[in-house]
Each structure stands twice: as C-alpha cells, then as structure tokens.
C-alpha cells in the first residue's frame, strides 16, 4: 500500500459502535471513505482478539488492531513487510492477573470477573449472544470485572493492584484489571511501525474515544476526538491539545467527525 499521511485509531464501544446495540452501520459512509483513500483505521478496544476478528471481518478491515485496552497489537501477515501475522503483548498475562485477584478476594475485596462467570452470565451483563460472550471471555492479558464492594473500598483495591504492578481502568461497562500499559502504548508501537515502513510520509494520528480508558490514547494523538456520551466529561486532555468534541454519540457522531476531519486535512 502507498502510505497515507493519516492514521485513524478508534475505540469501539460507545464510539464506532452504538453503546446499546453495537451497531456500526451509521458510520458506513466514513468507513467507506477511509477505505477508498487507503487511510489505515486501527480498531482499538477493550474487546478480545476473538471479538475483534469477527468485527473486522464484518467491516472488511484489514489493518493492524489493538486488543484488550492495549494488552496486545495484532499485525496482519504481509502488512508492513512479507511474513506471518505478528501478535505483540505489552503486559502481564491473564493467569498472573487472576492469581493476584484471587489473593485480593481472600483479603475481603468483593467483585466478579469474567473468569467467575459463565458465557450466559457474561451475555446477560453485556447484551451479547452466547457466542459473542464466549469470544469476550477468551482473553490474553486483562480481566474485566464488576465491583461489588463499597465505593469507599475501590481506591484501596486500586492501590493493592498497583502494588503488584497492575492497574485498574474504568471502561464503558466494566472495570479492567491489566498490567501497566494502555492503548496509548500500543498506539505508539504501531505508529513507529508505520514510520519505519514508510519513512517518506509525514504521519499524523487521529484518535477517537468516549471514556476515561481512552484518555491516554487521545492525549497521545495529534488530533483527539472526544465522543459524546456519559464518560466524555471525565476525559481531561492537556491544555492546548487539538481536540474535537462530537455532537452526537456513537457511530452517528463518529461518521460526522471523521468526514469533517478528512475535509479538514484536504482529502478530496
């Protein structure tokens, strides 16, 4: 591919996907425009590899993608250079995370994670069908959970995780336990791959997200798009950072913002 100057990194739930229905079809015009211009759209989500594979197939997306809030990047085979698909993990594995969570539960912290749930229970909490729930539970290096303790105990739980080299991020529906990495780390890793593969291009990055777990990614992009939604008011970006705030939530707002950005960057 000829390297375009723009790379778009997009969160999914509540951003490109409708928060309640997971529908992305209102964004189809902007998606088709990106495809026609050969601008990479890097899907960046708390979703698992299995979930992302299915969604990418539906969208016809063949670019690298980021799973589990930055736990891993997946680069399709023959993308940057001839060779097989590459999966790069950035943090602690799920087994290690679950061991720490078992210890914290024994200390009295109350929560329920995906590892504690059946496929049917995950489906009930997420609105996914049973097969979608199975894919959501197939994780590499993170554990989503629902907090069942007192709100006042949550900060103590967070500090206990941090003492073990882990962190707790708030997503659209769940808290996410993971290593000390985030979407911004994975984004930076992929941007460097683009710059190394096509050094003649002046790469510019756009990131779209709607919740606090997107904040680092938004701050790390040349242009941030904060999507309308319940988490938008909790996103704080550095003073002077280039930012757009969508008027509409989900794929409707995503479509409007991406088309506006393409016009702003001079794509005809």
C-alpha atoms as a PDB file:
ATOM      1  CA  UNK A   1       0.000   0.000   0.000  1.00  0.00           C
ATOM      2  CA  UNK A   2       1.100   3.564  -0.516  1.00  0.00           C
ATOM      3  CA  UNK A   3       1.428   5.077   2.931  1.00  0.00           C
ATOM      4  CA  UNK A   4      -1.142   7.817   3.514  1.00  0.00           C
ATOM      5  CA  UNK A   5      -0.289  10.651   5.891  1.00  0.00           C
ATOM      6  CA  UNK A   6      -3.186   9.926   8.261  1.00  0.00           C
ATOM      7  CA  UNK A   7      -3.736   7.011  10.654  1.00  0.00           C
ATOM      8  CA  UNK A   8      -7.064   6.796  12.489  1.00  0.00           C
ATOM      9  CA  UNK A   9      -7.191   4.977  15.837  1.00  0.00           C
ATOM     10  CA  UNK A  10     -10.718   4.327  17.057  1.00  0.00           C
ATOM     11  CA  UNK A  11     -12.247   2.933  20.199  1.00  0.00           C
ATOM     12  CA  UNK A  12     -15.298   0.737  19.587  1.00  0.00           C
ATOM     13  CA  UNK A  13     -17.993   0.581  22.296  1.00  0.00           C
ATOM     14  CA  UNK A  14     -19.775   3.925  22.508  1.00  0.00           C
ATOM     15  CA  UNK A  15     -17.540   5.347  19.781  1.00  0.00           C
ATOM     16  CA  UNK A  16     -17.692   3.469  16.478  1.00  0.00           C
ATOM     17  CA  UNK A  17     -20.259   1.034  17.900  1.00  0.00           C
ATOM     18  CA  UNK A  18     -23.577   2.085  19.419  1.00  0.00           C
ATOM     19  CA  UNK A  19     -23.324   1.674  23.190  1.00  0.00           C
ATOM     20  CA  UNK A  20     -26.514  -0.386  23.442  1.00  0.00           C
ATOM     21  CA  UNK A  21     -26.911  -2.189  20.103  1.00  0.00           C
ATOM     22  CA  UNK A  22     -23.246  -2.497  18.967  1.00  0.00           C
ATOM     23  CA  UNK A  23     -24.410  -1.315  15.533  1.00  0.00           C
ATOM     24  CA  UNK A  24     -21.817   0.469  13.385  1.00  0.00           C
ATOM     25  CA  UNK A  25     -23.825   0.913  10.182  1.00  0.00           C
ATOM     26  CA  UNK A  26     -24.446   4.704  10.604  1.00  0.00           C
ATOM     27  CA  UNK A  27     -20.656   5.126  10.233  1.00  0.00           C
ATOM     28  CA  UNK A  28     -20.569   3.297   6.903  1.00  0.00           C
ATOM     29  CA  UNK A  29     -20.095   6.446   4.728  1.00  0.00           C
ATOM     30  CA  UNK A  30     -16.962   7.495   6.651  1.00  0.00           C
ATOM     31  CA  UNK A  31     -15.677   3.918   6.770  1.00  0.00           C
ATOM     32  CA  UNK A  32     -16.026   3.598   3.017  1.00  0.00           C
ATOM     33  CA  UNK A  33     -14.314   6.962   2.543  1.00  0.00           C
ATOM     34  CA  UNK A  34     -11.336   5.874   4.652  1.00  0.00           C
ATOM     35  CA  UNK A  35     -11.117   2.654   2.668  1.00  0.00           C
ATOM     36  CA  UNK A  36     -11.246   4.481  -0.668  1.00  0.00           C
ATOM     37  CA  UNK A  37      -8.440   6.790   0.481  1.00  0.00           C
ATOM     38  CA  UNK A  38      -6.360   3.868   1.806  1.00  0.00           C
ATOM     39  CA  UNK A  39      -6.193   5.527   5.239  1.00  0.00           C
ATOM     40  CA  UNK A  40      -5.498   2.939   7.937  1.00  0.00           C
ATOM     41  CA  UNK A  41      -8.260   2.535  10.512  1.00  0.00           C
ATOM     42  CA  UNK A  42      -6.753   0.846  13.561  1.00  0.00           C
ATOM     43  CA  UNK A  43      -9.549  -0.531  15.736  1.00  0.00           C
ATOM     44  CA  UNK A  44      -8.541  -0.071  19.371  1.00  0.00           C
ATOM     45  CA  UNK A  45     -10.653  -1.633  22.063  1.00  0.00           C
ATOM     46  CA  UNK A  46     -11.105  -3.441  25.334  1.00  0.00           C
ATOM     47  CA  UNK A  47     -12.516  -6.258  23.197  1.00  0.00           C
ATOM     48  CA  UNK A  48     -10.666  -9.542  22.785  1.00  0.00           C
ATOM     49  CA  UNK A  49      -8.837 -10.860  19.767  1.00  0.00           C
ATOM     50  CA  UNK A  50     -11.724 -13.230  19.002  1.00  0.00           C
ATOM     51  CA  UNK A  51     -14.276 -10.402  19.130  1.00  0.00           C
ATOM     52  CA  UNK A  52     -12.141  -8.109  17.012  1.00  0.00           C
ATOM     53  CA  UNK A  53     -11.554 -10.742  14.333  1.00  0.00           C
ATOM     54  CA  UNK A  54     -15.291 -11.150  13.860  1.00  0.00           C
ATOM     55  CA  UNK A  55     -15.968  -7.398  13.779  1.00  0.00           C
ATOM     56  CA  UNK A  56     -13.081  -6.691  11.388  1.00  0.00           C
ATOM     57  CA  UNK A  57     -14.413  -9.340   9.029  1.00  0.00           C
ATOM     58  CA  UNK A  58     -17.835  -7.674   9.047  1.00  0.00           C
ATOM     59  CA  UNK A  59     -16.308  -4.267   8.320  1.00  0.00           C
ATOM     60  CA  UNK A  60     -13.783  -5.518   5.780  1.00  0.00           C
ATOM     61  CA  UNK A  61     -10.977  -4.015   7.868  1.00  0.00           C
ATOM     62  CA  UNK A  62      -7.522  -5.445   7.102  1.00  0.00           C
ATOM     63  CA  UNK A  63      -5.305  -3.107   9.141  1.00  0.00           C
ATOM     64  CA  UNK A  64      -3.464  -3.765  12.419  1.00  0.00           C
ATOM     65  CA  UNK A  65      -5.592  -3.627  15.551  1.00  0.00           C
ATOM     66  CA  UNK A  66      -5.232  -3.275  19.309  1.00  0.00           C
ATOM     67  CA  UNK A  67      -6.995  -5.579  21.760  1.00  0.00           C
ATOM     68  CA  UNK A  68      -7.821  -5.575  25.467  1.00  0.00           C
ATOM     69  CA  UNK A  69      -7.042  -1.898  26.070  1.00  0.00           C
ATOM     70  CA  UNK A  70      -3.514  -2.243  24.713  1.00  0.00           C
ATOM     71  CA  UNK A  71      -2.676  -5.722  26.005  1.00  0.00           C
ATOM     72  CA  UNK A  72      -1.579  -6.685  22.506  1.00  0.00           C
ATOM     73  CA  UNK A  73      -1.205  -5.430  18.969  1.00  0.00           C
ATOM     74  CA  UNK A  74      -2.052  -7.691  16.041  1.00  0.00           C
ATOM     75  CA  UNK A  75      -0.443  -7.032  12.669  1.00  0.00           C
ATOM     76  CA  UNK A  76      -1.806  -8.997   9.702  1.00  0.00           C
ATOM     77  CA  UNK A  77       0.631 -11.033   7.664  1.00  0.00           C
ATOM     78  CA  UNK A  78       2.446  -9.222   4.820  1.00  0.00           C
ATOM     79  CA  UNK A  79       1.248  -5.823   6.076  1.00  0.00           C
ATOM     80  CA  UNK A  80       4.418  -3.898   6.863  1.00  0.00           C
ATOM     81  CA  UNK A  81       6.719  -6.482   5.306  1.00  0.00           C
ATOM     82  CA  UNK A  82       6.483 -10.010   3.929  1.00  0.00           C
ATOM     83  CA  UNK A  83       5.874 -12.527   6.686  1.00  0.00           C
ATOM     84  CA  UNK A  84       3.276 -14.075   9.001  1.00  0.00           C
ATOM     85  CA  UNK A  85       0.869 -12.338  11.323  1.00  0.00           C
ATOM     86  CA  UNK A  86       2.530 -10.768  14.377  1.00  0.00           C
ATOM     87  CA  UNK A  87       0.986 -10.587  17.856  1.00  0.00           C
ATOM     88  CA  UNK A  88       2.909  -8.459  20.387  1.00  0.00           C
ATOM     89  CA  UNK A  89       1.858  -8.500  24.064  1.00  0.00           C
ATOM     90  CA  UNK A  90       2.664  -5.486  26.218  1.00  0.00           C
ATOM     91  CA  UNK A  91       1.934  -6.613  29.772  1.00  0.00           C
ATOM     92  CA  UNK A  92       1.257  -9.342  32.339  1.00  0.00           C
ATOM     93  CA  UNK A  93      -0.620 -12.440  31.191  1.00  0.00           C
ATOM     94  CA  UNK A  94      -4.138 -13.208  32.314  1.00  0.00           C
ATOM     95  CA  UNK A  95      -3.059 -16.131  34.505  1.00  0.00           C
ATOM     96  CA  UNK A  96      -0.850 -13.835  36.567  1.00  0.00           C
ATOM     97  CA  UNK A  97      -3.670 -11.284  36.860  1.00  0.00           C
ATOM     98  CA  UNK A  98      -6.159 -13.905  38.063  1.00  0.00           C
ATOM     99  CA  UNK A  99      -3.702 -15.091  40.735  1.00  0.00           C
ATOM    100  CA  UNK A 100      -3.482 -11.559  42.127  1.00  0.00           C
ATOM    101  CA  UNK A 101      -7.271 -11.206  42.039  1.00  0.00           C
ATOM    102  CA  UNK A 102      -7.747 -14.477  43.939  1.00  0.00           C
ATOM    103  CA  UNK A 103      -5.427 -13.178  46.645  1.00  0.00           C
ATOM    104  CA  UNK A 104      -7.269  -9.855  46.880  1.00  0.00           C
ATOM    105  CA  UNK A 105     -10.619 -11.635  47.115  1.00  0.00           C
ATOM    106  CA  UNK A 106      -9.281 -13.687  50.020  1.00  0.00           C
ATOM    107  CA  UNK A 107      -8.469 -10.363  51.717  1.00  0.00           C
ATOM    108  CA  UNK A 108     -12.144  -9.371  51.564  1.00  0.00           C
ATOM    109  CA  UNK A 109     -12.456  -7.372  48.352  1.00  0.00           C
ATOM    110  CA  UNK A 110     -15.726  -8.145  46.579  1.00  0.00           C
ATOM    111  CA  UNK A 111     -16.003  -8.274  42.784  1.00  0.00           C
ATOM    112  CA  UNK A 112     -16.934 -10.652  39.990  1.00  0.00           C
ATOM    113  CA  UNK A 113     -14.844 -11.057  36.850  1.00  0.00           C
ATOM    114  CA  UNK A 114     -15.318 -12.758  33.510  1.00  0.00           C
ATOM    115  CA  UNK A 115     -13.373 -15.761  34.788  1.00  0.00           C
ATOM    116  CA  UNK A 116     -16.035 -16.173  37.503  1.00  0.00           C
ATOM    117  CA  UNK A 117     -18.930 -16.014  35.030  1.00  0.00           C
ATOM    118  CA  UNK A 118     -20.405 -18.450  32.563  1.00  0.00           C
ATOM    119  CA  UNK A 119     -20.938 -17.482  28.935  1.00  0.00           C
ATOM    120  CA  UNK A 120     -24.632 -16.977  29.746  1.00  0.00           C
ATOM    121  CA  UNK A 121     -23.831 -14.644  32.646  1.00  0.00           C
ATOM    122  CA  UNK A 122     -21.455 -12.561  30.527  1.00  0.00           C
ATOM    123  CA  UNK A 123     -24.173 -12.411  27.878  1.00  0.00           C
ATOM    124  CA  UNK A 124     -26.625 -11.133  30.481  1.00  0.00           C
ATOM    125  CA  UNK A 125     -24.296  -8.342  31.591  1.00  0.00           C
ATOM    126  CA  UNK A 126     -23.249  -7.273  28.101  1.00  0.00           C
ATOM    127  CA  UNK A 127     -26.229  -7.970  25.832  1.00  0.00           C
ATOM    128  CA  UNK A 128     -24.028 -10.225  23.690  1.00  0.00           C
ATOM    129  CA  UNK A 129     -25.319 -13.502  22.317  1.00  0.00           C
ATOM    130  CA  UNK A 130     -23.788 -16.699  23.797  1.00  0.00           C
ATOM    131  CA  UNK A 131     -21.164 -16.999  21.064  1.00  0.00           C
ATOM    132  CA  UNK A 132     -20.235 -13.336  21.466  1.00  0.00           C
ATOM    133  CA  UNK A 133     -19.937 -13.865  25.218  1.00  0.00           C
ATOM    134  CA  UNK A 134     -17.633 -16.844  24.654  1.00  0.00           C
ATOM    135  CA  UNK A 135     -15.366 -14.668  22.500  1.00  0.00           C
ATOM    136  CA  UNK A 136     -15.406 -11.934  25.142  1.00  0.00           C
ATOM    137  CA  UNK A 137     -14.181 -14.388  27.782  1.00  0.00           C
ATOM    138  CA  UNK A 138     -11.275 -15.577  25.591  1.00  0.00           C
ATOM    139  CA  UNK A 139      -8.709 -13.105  26.932  1.00  0.00           C
ATOM    140  CA  UNK A 140      -4.936 -12.629  26.594  1.00  0.00           C
ATOM    141  CA  UNK A 141      -3.859 -10.265  29.345  1.00  0.00           C
ATOM    142  CA  UNK A 142      -6.762  -8.454  31.031  1.00  0.00           C
ATOM    143  CA  UNK A 143      -9.730  -9.226  33.271  1.00  0.00           C
ATOM    144  CA  UNK A 144     -12.956  -7.178  33.208  1.00  0.00           C
ATOM    145  CA  UNK A 145     -14.867  -7.128  36.463  1.00  0.00           C
ATOM    146  CA  UNK A 146     -17.913  -5.675  38.175  1.00  0.00           C
ATOM    147  CA  UNK A 147     -17.273  -4.094  41.565  1.00  0.00           C
ATOM    148  CA  UNK A 148     -19.481  -5.488  44.348  1.00  0.00           C
ATOM    149  CA  UNK A 149     -17.875  -3.820  47.344  1.00  0.00           C
ATOM    150  CA  UNK A 150     -18.477  -0.406  48.834  1.00  0.00           C
ATOM    151  CA  UNK A 151     -17.471   2.583  46.699  1.00  0.00           C
ATOM    152  CA  UNK A 152     -15.157   3.671  49.503  1.00  0.00           C
ATOM    153  CA  UNK A 153     -13.202   0.383  49.205  1.00  0.00           C
ATOM    154  CA  UNK A 154     -12.487   0.782  45.498  1.00  0.00           C
ATOM    155  CA  UNK A 155      -9.495   3.102  45.937  1.00  0.00           C
ATOM    156  CA  UNK A 156      -7.909   0.655  48.380  1.00  0.00           C
ATOM    157  CA  UNK A 157      -8.443  -2.126  45.812  1.00  0.00           C
ATOM    158  CA  UNK A 158      -6.835   0.050  43.144  1.00  0.00           C
ATOM    159  CA  UNK A 159      -3.773   0.701  45.329  1.00  0.00           C
ATOM    160  CA  UNK A 160      -3.436  -3.002  46.120  1.00  0.00           C
ATOM    161  CA  UNK A 161      -3.356  -3.786  42.396  1.00  0.00           C
ATOM    162  CA  UNK A 162      -0.800  -1.052  41.746  1.00  0.00           C
ATOM    163  CA  UNK A 163       1.493  -2.505  44.406  1.00  0.00           C
ATOM    164  CA  UNK A 164       1.598  -5.679  42.281  1.00  0.00           C
ATOM    165  CA  UNK A 165       2.401  -3.832  39.060  1.00  0.00           C
ATOM    166  CA  UNK A 166      -1.194  -3.866  37.840  1.00  0.00           C
ATOM    167  CA  UNK A 167      -3.725  -1.121  37.217  1.00  0.00           C
ATOM    168  CA  UNK A 168      -7.491  -0.634  37.194  1.00  0.00           C
ATOM    169  CA  UNK A 169      -9.128   1.263  34.344  1.00  0.00           C
ATOM    170  CA  UNK A 170     -12.775   2.273  34.002  1.00  0.00           C
ATOM    171  CA  UNK A 171     -14.374   1.253  30.712  1.00  0.00           C
ATOM    172  CA  UNK A 172     -17.856   1.737  29.346  1.00  0.00           C
ATOM    173  CA  UNK A 173     -19.387  -1.098  31.372  1.00  0.00           C
ATOM    174  CA  UNK A 174     -16.638  -2.738  33.397  1.00  0.00           C
ATOM    175  CA  UNK A 175     -13.502  -2.086  35.373  1.00  0.00           C
ATOM    176  CA  UNK A 176     -10.470  -3.607  33.638  1.00  0.00           C
ATOM    177  CA  UNK A 177      -7.522  -5.102  35.527  1.00  0.00           C
ATOM    178  CA  UNK A 178      -4.320  -5.164  33.462  1.00  0.00           C
ATOM    179  CA  UNK A 179      -0.600  -4.566  33.508  1.00  0.00           C
ATOM    180  CA  UNK A 180       0.973  -1.137  33.390  1.00  0.00           C
ATOM    181  CA  UNK A 181       0.182  -0.424  29.754  1.00  0.00           C
ATOM    182  CA  UNK A 182      -2.627   1.292  27.897  1.00  0.00           C
ATOM    183  CA  UNK A 183      -3.982   1.994  24.438  1.00  0.00           C
ATOM    184  CA  UNK A 184      -1.504   4.849  24.049  1.00  0.00           C
ATOM    185  CA  UNK A 185       1.450   2.468  24.434  1.00  0.00           C
ATOM    186  CA  UNK A 186       0.056   0.159  21.773  1.00  0.00           C
ATOM    187  CA  UNK A 187      -0.756   3.116  19.515  1.00  0.00           C
ATOM    188  CA  UNK A 188       2.808   4.438  19.821  1.00  0.00           C
ATOM    189  CA  UNK A 189       4.193   1.000  18.962  1.00  0.00           C
ATOM    190  CA  UNK A 190       2.119   0.802  15.802  1.00  0.00           C
ATOM    191  CA  UNK A 191       2.830   4.395  14.741  1.00  0.00           C
ATOM    192  CA  UNK A 192       6.528   3.590  14.905  1.00  0.00           C
ATOM    193  CA  UNK A 193       5.934   0.607  12.629  1.00  0.00           C
ATOM    194  CA  UNK A 194       4.215   2.846  10.068  1.00  0.00           C
ATOM    195  CA  UNK A 195       7.031   5.389  10.247  1.00  0.00           C
ATOM    196  CA  UNK A 196       9.664   2.697   9.807  1.00  0.00           C
ATOM    197  CA  UNK A 197       7.822   1.088   6.888  1.00  0.00           C
ATOM    198  CA  UNK A 198       7.084   4.360   5.056  1.00  0.00           C
ATOM    199  CA  UNK A 199       9.577   6.985   6.350  1.00  0.00           C
ATOM    200  CA  UNK A 200       8.865   9.316   3.459  1.00  0.00           C
ATOM    201  CA  UNK A 201       5.386  10.046   4.848  1.00  0.00           C
ATOM    202  CA  UNK A 202       4.600  12.777   7.381  1.00  0.00           C
ATOM    203  CA  UNK A 203       2.362  10.639   9.549  1.00  0.00           C
ATOM    204  CA  UNK A 204      -0.428  12.303  11.504  1.00  0.00           C
ATOM    205  CA  UNK A 205      -2.604  10.471  14.036  1.00  0.00           C
ATOM    206  CA  UNK A 206      -6.267  10.891  14.889  1.00  0.00           C
ATOM    207  CA  UNK A 207      -7.796   9.092  17.866  1.00  0.00           C
ATOM    208  CA  UNK A 208     -11.479   8.762  18.758  1.00  0.00           C
ATOM    209  CA  UNK A 209     -12.806   7.632  22.141  1.00  0.00           C
ATOM    210  CA  UNK A 210     -15.578   8.162  24.655  1.00  0.00           C
ATOM    211  CA  UNK A 211     -14.412   7.043  28.100  1.00  0.00           C
ATOM    212  CA  UNK A 212     -11.551   7.565  30.581  1.00  0.00           C
ATOM    213  CA  UNK A 213      -9.756   4.433  29.386  1.00  0.00           C
ATOM    214  CA  UNK A 214      -9.298   6.246  26.053  1.00  0.00           C
ATOM    215  CA  UNK A 215      -7.748   9.324  27.658  1.00  0.00           C
ATOM    216  CA  UNK A 216      -4.073   8.403  27.214  1.00  0.00           C
ATOM    217  CA  UNK A 217      -4.657   7.412  23.596  1.00  0.00           C
ATOM    218  CA  UNK A 218      -6.481  10.677  22.905  1.00  0.00           C
ATOM    219  CA  UNK A 219      -3.695  12.673  24.552  1.00  0.00           C
ATOM    220  CA  UNK A 220      -1.078  10.819  22.503  1.00  0.00           C
ATOM    221  CA  UNK A 221      -2.686  11.553  19.134  1.00  0.00           C
ATOM    222  CA  UNK A 222      -2.088  14.641  17.021  1.00  0.00           C
ATOM    223  CA  UNK A 223      -5.860  15.216  16.970  1.00  0.00           C
ATOM    224  CA  UNK A 224      -8.257  13.869  19.590  1.00  0.00           C
ATOM    225  CA  UNK A 225     -11.971  13.299  19.077  1.00  0.00           C
ATOM    226  CA  UNK A 226     -13.916  13.020  22.331  1.00  0.00           C
ATOM    227  CA  UNK A 227     -17.190  11.295  21.553  1.00  0.00           C
ATOM    228  CA  UNK A 228     -20.399  12.439  23.229  1.00  0.00           C
ATOM    229  CA  UNK A 229     -21.541  10.108  25.972  1.00  0.00           C
ATOM    230  CA  UNK A 230     -21.675   9.605  29.732  1.00  0.00           C
ATOM    231  CA  UNK A 231     -17.893   9.292  30.077  1.00  0.00           C
ATOM    232  CA  UNK A 232     -16.915  12.283  27.949  1.00  0.00           C
ATOM    233  CA  UNK A 233     -16.983  14.777  30.841  1.00  0.00           C
ATOM    234  CA  UNK A 234     -14.407  12.679  32.717  1.00  0.00           C
ATOM    235  CA  UNK A 235     -11.839  12.899  29.899  1.00  0.00           C
ATOM    236  CA  UNK A 236      -9.250  15.605  30.535  1.00  0.00           C
ATOM    237  CA  UNK A 237      -6.630  16.451  27.928  1.00  0.00           C
ATOM    238  CA  UNK A 238      -3.530  18.673  28.141  1.00  0.00           C
ATOM    239  CA  UNK A 239      -4.061  22.382  27.720  1.00  0.00           C
ATOM    240  CA  UNK A 240      -3.757  23.375  24.081  1.00  0.00           C
ATOM    241  CA  UNK A 241      -4.232  19.848  22.771  1.00  0.00           C
ATOM    242  CA  UNK A 242      -6.059  19.713  19.445  1.00  0.00           C
ATOM    243  CA  UNK A 243      -9.481  18.269  20.203  1.00  0.00           C
ATOM    244  CA  UNK A 244     -12.890  17.907  18.591  1.00  0.00           C
ATOM    245  CA  UNK A 245     -15.973  17.024  20.628  1.00  0.00           C
ATOM    246  CA  UNK A 246     -18.699  15.209  18.750  1.00  0.00           C
ATOM    247  CA  UNK A 247     -22.260  16.493  18.832  1.00  0.00           C
ATOM    248  CA  UNK A 248     -23.763  13.014  18.541  1.00  0.00           C
ATOM    249  CA  UNK A 249     -22.749   9.803  20.344  1.00  0.00           C
ATOM    250  CA  UNK A 250     -21.726   6.520  18.757  1.00  0.00           C
ATOM    251  CA  UNK A 251     -21.495   5.795  15.050  1.00  0.00           C
ATOM    252  CA  UNK A 252     -23.592   8.796  14.014  1.00  0.00           C
ATOM    253  CA  UNK A 253     -21.172  11.192  15.682  1.00  0.00           C
ATOM    254  CA  UNK A 254     -18.191   9.122  14.527  1.00  0.00           C
ATOM    255  CA  UNK A 255     -19.321   9.394  10.910  1.00  0.00           C
ATOM    256  CA  UNK A 256     -19.786  13.169  11.149  1.00  0.00           C
ATOM    257  CA  UNK A 257     -16.419  13.761  12.817  1.00  0.00           C
ATOM    258  CA  UNK A 258     -14.359  11.546  10.515  1.00  0.00           C
ATOM    259  CA  UNK A 259     -15.837  13.091   7.382  1.00  0.00           C
ATOM    260  CA  UNK A 260     -15.177  16.564   8.816  1.00  0.00           C
ATOM    261  CA  UNK A 261     -11.572  15.609   9.637  1.00  0.00           C
ATOM    262  CA  UNK A 262     -10.947  14.238   6.154  1.00  0.00           C
ATOM    263  CA  UNK A 263     -12.167  17.532   4.705  1.00  0.00           C
ATOM    264  CA  UNK A 264     -10.019  19.471   7.166  1.00  0.00           C
ATOM    265  CA  UNK A 265      -6.926  17.515   6.108  1.00  0.00           C
ATOM    266  CA  UNK A 266      -7.651  18.229   2.456  1.00  0.00           C
ATOM    267  CA  UNK A 267      -8.712  14.765   1.306  1.00  0.00           C
ATOM    268  CA  UNK A 268     -10.879  15.096  -1.788  1.00  0.00           C
END
